[in-house]
Structure formats: structure tokens, C-alpha cells
Amino acid sequence: MCSKKVIISACLLGQNCRYDGKTKKVNEVLEAFKDYEIIPFCPEAPLFGTPRERINVIHVDGKNRIITDETNKDVTQLLEDEINTFVKQNLHVDVIVLKSKSPSCGFGTTPILNCEKEIIKYGNGIAAEIFLVTYADINIKDEYLNI
């Protein structure tokens, strides 16, 4: 018998992989998916280490780009490549739980900034955008489990 699989943002699982070296562990998420095979996901930590410079979603020339907060480096392509590699290794999943407000994982809750770093709207992080296309038939939620 095959178990159901869930992709969960690694910080929600208790991994210290956030930009500030901390975690955002949510016991309710662990409890809700205790009978699933859990696949941890964090595209930022393998690329940039932990702790690391913050990143933001910046709307530039009609497109959302991922830009580092202090050095203003565009890391969009690096993250897209990392996320797409992860997806190819995890094609068959049943549910996805992502960290709200994250520039990578936010699902409708990520601040989208203008070039002056002012919030212009809320949208999806870069991974959430890719997941919406790749896992079109999969239920995607945030840690509040109510989306």
C-alpha cells in the first residue's frame, strides 16, 4: 500500500532554515499530516545557506523578480532552477502546505513590492507560482490549513 505524500515547507516542520536561522514550526501541520509521507521543502537554504540575506518579491517591468534585500541581486533564475529540480524529483504528491507570506512559498499572502520596496499588492511566492502550474490538480494550503 502506498502512503499519501505531502510537501511541507521545511520551516513549518521545525527545520531552522529561515533567513534568520530560525524555524516557524507548526505542530498542527505535523499532526494533520502524521499519516502522510512528508517531503520537506525549502528552495532558499540549499542555495544561500542559513542564516542569509532576506529576499523580496519585487515587481519590475511587469514581472515579479526575487531580489536580495541588501545587495539587490536578482536570484530569480537560481530559485526557479532549484524549485524545478525539486518538482522533477517529487512529481506525485497529494497535498502541499506552504509557509504564508514567504517570498518563496507564500500562497496569496506574499507582499509584492515596487522598486522602492513598498507593498503594492499581495500574491504568490516564486515556488507557489511554479507549484500552481506543475501541481494544477493538487490541493495547496498554507500553515493555517484553511485555503
Protein backbone atom coordinates (compact mmCIF):
# COMPACT_ATOMS: atom_id res chain seq x y z
CA MET A 1 0.00 0.00 0.00
CA CYS A 2 1.37 3.42 -0.98
CA SER A 3 1.13 6.17 1.56
CA LYS A 4 -0.09 9.62 0.67
CA LYS A 5 2.61 12.23 0.17
CA VAL A 6 2.66 15.85 1.31
CA ILE A 7 5.17 18.58 0.52
CA ILE A 8 5.55 20.88 3.52
CA SER A 9 7.69 23.99 3.86
CA ALA A 10 10.66 22.81 5.93
CA CYS A 11 10.41 25.72 8.40
CA LEU A 12 6.89 24.55 9.34
CA LEU A 13 8.37 21.15 10.22
CA GLY A 14 10.80 22.68 12.70
CA GLN A 15 13.88 22.92 10.49
CA ASN A 16 15.97 26.01 11.18
CA CYS A 17 16.12 27.04 7.54
CA ARG A 18 14.64 30.54 7.53
CA TYR A 19 16.73 33.55 6.51
CA ASP A 20 17.20 34.44 10.21
CA GLY A 21 18.27 30.90 11.12
CA LYS A 22 15.02 30.25 12.96
CA THR A 23 12.04 28.00 12.41
CA LYS A 24 8.29 28.52 12.23
CA LYS A 25 7.28 25.08 13.47
CA VAL A 26 3.53 24.49 13.48
CA ASN A 27 2.50 21.42 15.47
CA GLU A 28 -0.98 21.45 13.91
CA VAL A 29 0.57 20.87 10.50
CA LEU A 30 2.64 17.95 11.80
CA GLU A 31 -0.44 16.47 13.46
CA ALA A 32 -2.66 16.93 10.40
CA PHE A 33 -0.22 15.01 8.19
CA LYS A 34 1.15 12.43 10.64
CA ASP A 35 -0.12 9.59 8.42
CA TYR A 36 1.50 11.00 5.25
CA GLU A 37 4.98 10.66 3.85
CA ILE A 38 6.32 14.18 4.50
CA ILE A 39 8.60 15.76 1.91
CA PRO A 40 10.34 18.85 3.38
CA PHE A 41 10.76 21.80 1.01
CA CYS A 42 12.93 24.92 1.20
CA PRO A 43 14.44 26.26 -2.03
CA GLU A 44 16.38 29.06 -0.34
CA ALA A 45 18.54 27.24 2.23
CA PRO A 46 20.41 24.95 -0.23
CA LEU A 47 21.26 27.92 -2.44
CA PHE A 48 22.05 30.67 0.04
CA GLY A 49 22.70 28.94 3.37
CA THR A 50 21.22 29.75 6.77
CA PRO A 51 21.20 32.42 8.06
CA ARG A 52 21.17 34.51 4.89
CA GLU A 53 20.19 37.82 3.40
CA ARG A 54 16.43 38.34 3.10
CA ILE A 55 14.79 38.21 -0.30
CA ASN A 56 11.73 40.05 -1.60
CA VAL A 57 9.33 39.74 -4.50
CA ILE A 58 9.79 42.94 -6.49
CA HIS A 59 7.53 43.81 -9.42
CA VAL A 60 9.89 45.00 -12.18
CA ASP A 61 8.87 45.78 -15.77
CA GLY A 62 5.62 43.83 -15.46
CA LYS A 63 7.20 40.73 -13.90
CA ASN A 64 7.82 39.52 -10.37
CA ARG A 65 11.51 39.09 -9.63
CA ILE A 66 13.21 37.75 -6.50
CA ILE A 67 15.73 40.33 -5.31
CA THR A 68 18.03 40.17 -2.28
CA ASP A 69 17.21 42.81 0.29
CA GLU A 70 20.61 44.43 0.88
CA THR A 71 22.74 43.64 -2.17
CA ASN A 72 19.86 43.94 -4.70
CA LYS A 73 20.94 40.79 -6.53
CA ASP A 74 18.34 39.15 -8.78
CA VAL A 75 18.19 35.48 -7.74
CA THR A 76 15.01 34.59 -9.65
CA GLN A 77 16.65 32.15 -12.06
CA LEU A 78 18.62 30.40 -9.32
CA LEU A 79 15.42 29.80 -7.35
CA GLU A 80 13.43 28.72 -10.42
CA ASP A 81 16.11 26.14 -11.24
CA GLU A 82 16.17 24.84 -7.64
CA ILE A 83 12.37 24.60 -7.48
CA ASN A 84 12.08 22.90 -10.86
CA THR A 85 14.71 20.33 -9.84
CA PHE A 86 12.72 19.62 -6.67
CA VAL A 87 9.49 19.24 -8.67
CA LYS A 88 11.07 16.74 -11.08
CA GLN A 89 12.11 14.63 -8.07
CA ASN A 90 8.64 14.82 -6.49
CA LEU A 91 6.09 14.56 -9.28
CA HIS A 92 3.45 12.59 -7.41
CA VAL A 93 2.13 14.24 -4.26
CA ASP A 94 -1.32 14.53 -2.73
CA VAL A 95 -1.15 17.81 -0.79
CA ILE A 96 1.16 20.82 -0.47
CA VAL A 97 1.45 23.02 2.65
CA LEU A 98 3.46 26.22 2.21
CA LYS A 99 4.63 28.97 4.58
CA SER A 100 2.42 32.03 4.29
CA LYS A 101 3.95 35.42 3.42
CA SER A 102 7.21 33.84 2.24
CA PRO A 103 8.81 35.22 -0.95
CA SER A 104 9.33 31.59 -1.96
CA CYS A 105 6.31 29.80 -0.56
CA GLY A 106 3.60 32.35 0.18
CA PHE A 107 0.27 31.42 -1.36
CA GLY A 108 -1.71 34.59 -1.96
CA THR A 109 -0.13 36.21 1.11
CA THR A 110 3.31 37.28 -0.10
CA PRO A 111 3.93 41.04 -0.20
CA ILE A 112 4.70 42.13 -3.77
CA LEU A 113 6.83 45.26 -3.65
CA ASN A 114 7.64 48.04 -6.09
CA CYS A 115 11.22 49.16 -6.75
CA GLU A 116 11.03 51.43 -3.69
CA LYS A 117 10.18 48.31 -1.63
CA GLU A 118 6.65 49.50 -0.90
CA ILE A 119 3.86 46.90 -0.86
CA ILE A 120 1.73 47.23 -3.99
CA LYS A 121 -0.30 44.02 -3.57
CA TYR A 122 -0.24 40.50 -2.16
CA GLY A 123 0.36 37.45 -4.32
CA ASN A 124 2.29 34.21 -4.56
CA GLY A 125 5.91 33.45 -3.84
CA ILE A 126 8.04 32.02 -6.63
CA ALA A 127 7.62 28.38 -5.56
CA ALA A 128 3.87 28.78 -5.10
CA GLU A 129 3.62 30.12 -8.67
CA ILE A 130 5.55 27.14 -10.07
CA PHE A 131 3.58 24.68 -7.91
CA LEU A 132 0.24 26.10 -9.10
CA VAL A 133 1.21 25.25 -12.67
CA THR A 134 3.04 21.98 -12.06
CA TYR A 135 0.64 20.58 -9.48
CA ALA A 136 -2.52 22.02 -11.03
CA ASP A 137 -4.78 19.32 -9.54
CA ILE A 138 -3.20 19.28 -6.08
CA ASN A 139 -4.66 20.97 -3.02
CA ILE A 140 -2.26 23.74 -1.95
CA LYS A 141 -2.66 25.27 1.52
CA ASP A 142 -0.71 27.42 3.93
CA GLU A 143 0.05 26.58 7.56
CA TYR A 144 -3.42 27.69 8.60
CA LEU A 145 -4.77 24.72 6.57
CA ASN A 146 -7.84 26.67 5.51
CA ILE A 147 -7.09 27.68 1.92
